[in-house]
Amino acid sequence: MAETVNTVRRLRGEHGWSQAQLARELGVSRQTVNAIETGRFDPSLPLALRIAQLFDRQLEQVFGLKA
């Protein structure tokens, strides 16, 4: 099974946001943001879409599969 990868941590850093700030923007807990960034949690499709929209990226630019 292919491993998922995401660029949430990098994008958050580019915006200068803390995990808590991103969590507030998304309406989730800081722990959820941490779990997404570390790959321990794959977000639901609606949450993944909100994350991509917040960073003005296509979904595939934020979340993908490792080759």
PDB file of N, CA and C in Angstrom:
ATOM      1  N   MET A   1       0.843  -1.176   0.000  1.00  0.00           N
ATOM      2  CA  MET A   1       0.000   0.000   0.000  1.00  0.00           C
ATOM      3  C   MET A   1       0.894   1.246   0.000  1.00  0.00           C
ATOM      4  N   ALA A   2       0.536   2.236  -0.795  1.00  0.00           N
ATOM      5  CA  ALA A   2       1.340   3.455  -0.913  1.00  0.00           C
ATOM      6  C   ALA A   2       1.186   4.328   0.327  1.00  0.00           C
ATOM      7  N   GLU A   3       2.284   4.944   0.705  1.00  0.00           N
ATOM      8  CA  GLU A   3       2.291   5.840   1.859  1.00  0.00           C
ATOM      9  C   GLU A   3       1.834   7.235   1.415  1.00  0.00           C
ATOM     10  N   THR A   4       1.030   7.880   2.246  1.00  0.00           N
ATOM     11  CA  THR A   4       0.598   9.235   1.917  1.00  0.00           C
ATOM     12  C   THR A   4       1.639  10.240   2.393  1.00  0.00           C
ATOM     13  N   VAL A   5       1.752  11.328   1.671  1.00  0.00           N
ATOM     14  CA  VAL A   5       2.651  12.414   2.044  1.00  0.00           C
ATOM     15  C   VAL A   5       1.864  13.714   1.969  1.00  0.00           C
ATOM     16  N   ASN A   6       2.276  14.693   2.785  1.00  0.00           N
ATOM     17  CA  ASN A   6       1.612  15.983   2.707  1.00  0.00           C
ATOM     18  C   ASN A   6       2.612  17.101   2.946  1.00  0.00           C
ATOM     19  N   THR A   7       2.222  18.285   2.525  1.00  0.00           N
ATOM     20  CA  THR A   7       3.093  19.455   2.640  1.00  0.00           C
ATOM     21  C   THR A   7       2.540  20.469   3.634  1.00  0.00           C
ATOM     22  N   VAL A   8       1.671  20.033   4.529  1.00  0.00           N
ATOM     23  CA  VAL A   8       1.018  20.944   5.460  1.00  0.00           C
ATOM     24  C   VAL A   8       2.035  21.683   6.328  1.00  0.00           C
ATOM     25  N   ARG A   9       2.992  20.978   6.882  1.00  0.00           N
ATOM     26  CA  ARG A   9       3.979  21.628   7.756  1.00  0.00           C
ATOM     27  C   ARG A   9       4.739  22.715   6.994  1.00  0.00           C
ATOM     28  N   ARG A  10       5.191  22.407   5.775  1.00  0.00           N
ATOM     29  CA  ARG A  10       5.931  23.386   4.975  1.00  0.00           C
ATOM     30  C   ARG A  10       5.064  24.592   4.647  1.00  0.00           C
ATOM     31  N   LEU A  11       3.843  24.353   4.219  1.00  0.00           N
ATOM     32  CA  LEU A  11       2.942  25.454   3.872  1.00  0.00           C
ATOM     33  C   LEU A  11       2.628  26.314   5.091  1.00  0.00           C
ATOM     34  N   ARG A  12       2.416  25.671   6.226  1.00  0.00           N
ATOM     35  CA  ARG A  12       2.151  26.421   7.459  1.00  0.00           C
ATOM     36  C   ARG A  12       3.347  27.308   7.789  1.00  0.00           C
ATOM     37  N   GLY A  13       4.544  26.761   7.664  1.00  0.00           N
ATOM     38  CA  GLY A  13       5.748  27.529   7.933  1.00  0.00           C
ATOM     39  C   GLY A  13       5.908  28.706   6.985  1.00  0.00           C
ATOM     40  N   GLU A  14       5.586  28.496   5.716  1.00  0.00           N
ATOM     41  CA  GLU A  14       5.676  29.581   4.729  1.00  0.00           C
ATOM     42  C   GLU A  14       4.747  30.734   5.078  1.00  0.00           C
ATOM     43  N   HIS A  15       3.649  30.419   5.739  1.00  0.00           N
ATOM     44  CA  HIS A  15       2.688  31.453   6.143  1.00  0.00           C
ATOM     45  C   HIS A  15       3.017  32.032   7.518  1.00  0.00           C
ATOM     46  N   GLY A  16       3.995  31.441   8.195  1.00  0.00           N
ATOM     47  CA  GLY A  16       4.383  31.931   9.515  1.00  0.00           C
ATOM     48  C   GLY A  16       3.358  31.637  10.596  1.00  0.00           C
ATOM     49  N   TRP A  17       2.577  30.584  10.402  1.00  0.00           N
ATOM     50  CA  TRP A  17       1.526  30.236  11.352  1.00  0.00           C
ATOM     51  C   TRP A  17       2.008  29.150  12.303  1.00  0.00           C
ATOM     52  N   SER A  18       1.555  29.215  13.538  1.00  0.00           N
ATOM     53  CA  SER A  18       1.769  28.120  14.488  1.00  0.00           C
ATOM     54  C   SER A  18       0.720  27.042  14.206  1.00  0.00           C
ATOM     55  N   GLN A  19       0.926  25.883  14.807  1.00  0.00           N
ATOM     56  CA  GLN A  19      -0.087  24.830  14.677  1.00  0.00           C
ATOM     57  C   GLN A  19      -1.412  25.305  15.257  1.00  0.00           C
ATOM     58  N   ALA A  20      -1.359  26.054  16.348  1.00  0.00           N
ATOM     59  CA  ALA A  20      -2.591  26.554  16.980  1.00  0.00           C
ATOM     60  C   ALA A  20      -3.322  27.522  16.056  1.00  0.00           C
ATOM     61  N   GLN A  21      -2.580  28.385  15.366  1.00  0.00           N
ATOM     62  CA  GLN A  21      -3.213  29.331  14.449  1.00  0.00           C
ATOM     63  C   GLN A  21      -3.885  28.599  13.294  1.00  0.00           C
ATOM     64  N   LEU A  22      -3.194  27.617  12.728  1.00  0.00           N
ATOM     65  CA  LEU A  22      -3.785  26.845  11.639  1.00  0.00           C
ATOM     66  C   LEU A  22      -5.011  26.088  12.136  1.00  0.00           C
ATOM     67  N   ALA A  23      -4.920  25.515  13.319  1.00  0.00           N
ATOM     68  CA  ALA A  23      -6.054  24.788  13.882  1.00  0.00           C
ATOM     69  C   ALA A  23      -7.279  25.694  14.016  1.00  0.00           C
ATOM     70  N   ARG A  24      -7.080  26.918  14.494  1.00  0.00           N
ATOM     71  CA  ARG A  24      -8.196  27.866  14.614  1.00  0.00           C
ATOM     72  C   ARG A  24      -8.808  28.169  13.257  1.00  0.00           C
ATOM     73  N   GLU A  25      -7.961  28.379  12.247  1.00  0.00           N
ATOM     74  CA  GLU A  25      -8.465  28.656  10.892  1.00  0.00           C
ATOM     75  C   GLU A  25      -9.314  27.510  10.355  1.00  0.00           C
ATOM     76  N   LEU A  26      -8.934  26.286  10.727  1.00  0.00           N
ATOM     77  CA  LEU A  26      -9.613  25.090  10.213  1.00  0.00           C
ATOM     78  C   LEU A  26     -10.745  24.602  11.107  1.00  0.00           C
ATOM     79  N   GLY A  27     -10.815  25.106  12.340  1.00  0.00           N
ATOM     80  CA  GLY A  27     -11.847  24.648  13.270  1.00  0.00           C
ATOM     81  C   GLY A  27     -11.568  23.274  13.839  1.00  0.00           C
ATOM     82  N   VAL A  28     -10.265  22.952  14.009  1.00  0.00           N
ATOM     83  CA  VAL A  28      -9.876  21.674  14.593  1.00  0.00           C
ATOM     84  C   VAL A  28      -8.917  21.948  15.748  1.00  0.00           C
ATOM     85  N   SER A  29      -8.499  20.907  16.432  1.00  0.00           N
ATOM     86  CA  SER A  29      -7.558  21.075  17.540  1.00  0.00           C
ATOM     87  C   SER A  29      -6.117  21.163  17.025  1.00  0.00           C
ATOM     88  N   ARG A  30      -5.241  21.714  17.839  1.00  0.00           N
ATOM     89  CA  ARG A  30      -3.819  21.765  17.498  1.00  0.00           C
ATOM     90  C   ARG A  30      -3.276  20.348  17.369  1.00  0.00           C
ATOM     91  N   GLN A  31      -3.780  19.444  18.194  1.00  0.00           N
ATOM     92  CA  GLN A  31      -3.341  18.054  18.140  1.00  0.00           C
ATOM     93  C   GLN A  31      -3.688  17.419  16.794  1.00  0.00           C
ATOM     94  N   THR A  32      -4.833  17.796  16.223  1.00  0.00           N
ATOM     95  CA  THR A  32      -5.213  17.283  14.911  1.00  0.00           C
ATOM     96  C   THR A  32      -4.237  17.776  13.851  1.00  0.00           C
ATOM     97  N   VAL A  33      -3.885  19.058  13.908  1.00  0.00           N
ATOM     98  CA  VAL A  33      -2.908  19.596  12.952  1.00  0.00           C
ATOM     99  C   VAL A  33      -1.582  18.855  13.091  1.00  0.00           C
ATOM    100  N   ASN A  34      -1.135  18.645  14.315  1.00  0.00           N
ATOM    101  CA  ASN A  34       0.112  17.927  14.544  1.00  0.00           C
ATOM    102  C   ASN A  34       0.039  16.519  13.965  1.00  0.00           C
ATOM    103  N   ALA A  35      -1.057  15.828  14.189  1.00  0.00           N
ATOM    104  CA  ALA A  35      -1.211  14.457  13.697  1.00  0.00           C
ATOM    105  C   ALA A  35      -1.221  14.416  12.164  1.00  0.00           C
ATOM    106  N   ILE A  36      -1.825  15.398  11.524  1.00  0.00           N
ATOM    107  CA  ILE A  36      -1.821  15.467  10.059  1.00  0.00           C
ATOM    108  C   ILE A  36      -0.393  15.702   9.566  1.00  0.00           C
ATOM    109  N   GLU A  37       0.303  16.656  10.175  1.00  0.00           N
ATOM    110  CA  GLU A  37       1.658  16.994   9.745  1.00  0.00           C
ATOM    111  C   GLU A  37       2.627  15.830   9.899  1.00  0.00           C
ATOM    112  N   THR A  38       2.454  15.039  10.931  1.00  0.00           N
ATOM    113  CA  THR A  38       3.375  13.925  11.182  1.00  0.00           C
ATOM    114  C   THR A  38       2.926  12.625  10.507  1.00  0.00           C
ATOM    115  N   GLY A  39       1.805  12.661   9.799  1.00  0.00           N
ATOM    116  CA  GLY A  39       1.341  11.490   9.079  1.00  0.00           C
ATOM    117  C   GLY A  39       0.646  10.448   9.934  1.00  0.00           C
ATOM    118  N   ARG A  40       0.313  10.811  11.178  1.00  0.00           N
ATOM    119  CA  ARG A  40      -0.391   9.860  12.049  1.00  0.00           C
ATOM    120  C   ARG A  40      -1.895   9.876  11.806  1.00  0.00           C
ATOM    121  N   PHE A  41      -2.371  10.869  11.051  1.00  0.00           N
ATOM    122  CA  PHE A  41      -3.806  11.012  10.806  1.00  0.00           C
ATOM    123  C   PHE A  41      -4.002  11.529   9.393  1.00  0.00           C
ATOM    124  N   ASP A  42      -4.840  10.849   8.622  1.00  0.00           N
ATOM    125  CA  ASP A  42      -5.227  11.330   7.298  1.00  0.00           C
ATOM    126  C   ASP A  42      -6.557  12.055   7.449  1.00  0.00           C
ATOM    127  N   PRO A  43      -6.604  13.327   7.074  1.00  0.00           N
ATOM    128  CA  PRO A  43      -7.837  14.092   7.258  1.00  0.00           C
ATOM    129  C   PRO A  43      -8.960  13.590   6.361  1.00  0.00           C
ATOM    130  N   SER A  44     -10.173  13.882   6.782  1.00  0.00           N
ATOM    131  CA  SER A  44     -11.334  13.582   5.952  1.00  0.00           C
ATOM    132  C   SER A  44     -11.224  14.405   4.668  1.00  0.00           C
ATOM    133  N   LEU A  45     -11.959  14.018   3.656  1.00  0.00           N
ATOM    134  CA  LEU A  45     -11.932  14.761   2.396  1.00  0.00           C
ATOM    135  C   LEU A  45     -12.363  16.220   2.594  1.00  0.00           C
ATOM    136  N   PRO A  46     -13.451  16.494   3.328  1.00  0.00           N
ATOM    137  CA  PRO A  46     -13.813  17.902   3.530  1.00  0.00           C
ATOM    138  C   PRO A  46     -12.708  18.706   4.228  1.00  0.00           C
ATOM    139  N   LEU A  47     -12.043  18.113   5.226  1.00  0.00           N
ATOM    140  CA  LEU A  47     -10.967  18.825   5.909  1.00  0.00           C
ATOM    141  C   LEU A  47      -9.774  19.013   4.977  1.00  0.00           C
ATOM    142  N   ALA A  48      -9.423  17.996   4.215  1.00  0.00           N
ATOM    143  CA  ALA A  48      -8.312  18.108   3.266  1.00  0.00           C
ATOM    144  C   ALA A  48      -8.593  19.205   2.242  1.00  0.00           C
ATOM    145  N   LEU A  49      -9.821  19.282   1.778  1.00  0.00           N
ATOM    146  CA  LEU A  49     -10.189  20.333   0.825  1.00  0.00           C
ATOM    147  C   LEU A  49     -10.090  21.718   1.460  1.00  0.00           C
ATOM    148  N   ARG A  50     -10.515  21.846   2.729  1.00  0.00           N
ATOM    149  CA  ARG A  50     -10.401  23.139   3.424  1.00  0.00           C
ATOM    150  C   ARG A  50      -8.939  23.547   3.566  1.00  0.00           C
ATOM    151  N   ILE A  51      -8.076  22.583   3.886  1.00  0.00           N
ATOM    152  CA  ILE A  51      -6.650  22.870   4.026  1.00  0.00           C
ATOM    153  C   ILE A  51      -6.087  23.359   2.698  1.00  0.00           C
ATOM    154  N   ALA A  52      -6.384  22.647   1.617  1.00  0.00           N
ATOM    155  CA  ALA A  52      -5.895  23.045   0.297  1.00  0.00           C
ATOM    156  C   ALA A  52      -6.407  24.428  -0.076  1.00  0.00           C
ATOM    157  N   GLN A  53      -7.665  24.693   0.183  1.00  0.00           N
ATOM    158  CA  GLN A  53      -8.255  26.001  -0.138  1.00  0.00           C
ATOM    159  C   GLN A  53      -7.606  27.105   0.686  1.00  0.00           C
ATOM    160  N   LEU A  54      -7.370  26.854   1.957  1.00  0.00           N
ATOM    161  CA  LEU A  54      -6.762  27.846   2.831  1.00  0.00           C
ATOM    162  C   LEU A  54      -5.381  28.254   2.315  1.00  0.00           C
ATOM    163  N   PHE A  55      -4.623  27.287   1.793  1.00  0.00           N
ATOM    164  CA  PHE A  55      -3.287  27.571   1.279  1.00  0.00           C
ATOM    165  C   PHE A  55      -3.290  27.910  -0.213  1.00  0.00           C
ATOM    166  N   ASP A  56      -4.487  28.000  -0.807  1.00  0.00           N
ATOM    167  CA  ASP A  56      -4.638  28.331  -2.223  1.00  0.00           C
ATOM    168  C   ASP A  56      -3.844  27.360  -3.108  1.00  0.00           C
ATOM    169  N   ARG A  57      -4.009  26.072  -2.824  1.00  0.00           N
ATOM    170  CA  ARG A  57      -3.334  25.007  -3.572  1.00  0.00           C
ATOM    171  C   ARG A  57      -4.367  23.986  -4.034  1.00  0.00           C
ATOM    172  N   GLN A  58      -4.001  23.224  -5.059  1.00  0.00           N
ATOM    173  CA  GLN A  58      -4.802  22.084  -5.467  1.00  0.00           C
ATOM    174  C   GLN A  58      -4.626  20.989  -4.414  1.00  0.00           C
ATOM    175  N   LEU A  59      -5.623  20.169  -4.233  1.00  0.00           N
ATOM    176  CA  LEU A  59      -5.562  19.093  -3.243  1.00  0.00           C
ATOM    177  C   LEU A  59      -4.310  18.231  -3.438  1.00  0.00           C
ATOM    178  N   GLU A  60      -3.999  17.926  -4.696  1.00  0.00           N
ATOM    179  CA  GLU A  60      -2.848  17.074  -5.004  1.00  0.00           C
ATOM    180  C   GLU A  60      -1.518  17.747  -4.664  1.00  0.00           C
ATOM    181  N   GLN A  61      -1.511  19.080  -4.540  1.00  0.00           N
ATOM    182  CA  GLN A  61      -0.292  19.794  -4.168  1.00  0.00           C
ATOM    183  C   GLN A  61      -0.048  19.735  -2.662  1.00  0.00           C
ATOM    184  N   VAL A  62      -1.091  19.414  -1.905  1.00  0.00           N
ATOM    185  CA  VAL A  62      -0.973  19.334  -0.449  1.00  0.00           C
ATOM    186  C   VAL A  62      -0.871  17.889   0.014  1.00  0.00           C
ATOM    187  N   PHE A  63      -1.676  17.022  -0.558  1.00  0.00           N
ATOM    188  CA  PHE A  63      -1.714  15.603  -0.172  1.00  0.00           C
ATOM    189  C   PHE A  63      -1.482  14.737  -1.392  1.00  0.00           C
ATOM    190  N   GLY A  64      -0.691  13.701  -1.223  1.00  0.00           N
ATOM    191  CA  GLY A  64      -0.431  12.790  -2.335  1.00  0.00           C
ATOM    192  C   GLY A  64       0.039  11.447  -1.843  1.00  0.00           C
ATOM    193  N   LEU A  65       0.444  10.616  -2.779  1.00  0.00           N
ATOM    194  CA  LEU A  65       0.958   9.295  -2.478  1.00  0.00           C
ATOM    195  C   LEU A  65       2.447   9.254  -2.795  1.00  0.00           C
ATOM    196  N   LYS A  66       3.204   8.648  -1.901  1.00  0.00           N
ATOM    197  CA  LYS A  66       4.640   8.474  -2.120  1.00  0.00           C
ATOM    198  C   LYS A  66       4.835   7.373  -3.139  1.00  0.00           C
ATOM    199  N   ALA A  67       5.675   7.625  -4.119  1.00  0.00           N
ATOM    200  CA  ALA A  67       5.907   6.650  -5.189  1.00  0.00           C
ATOM    201  C   ALA A  67       6.597   5.403  -4.688  1.00  0.00           C
TER     202      ALA A  67
END
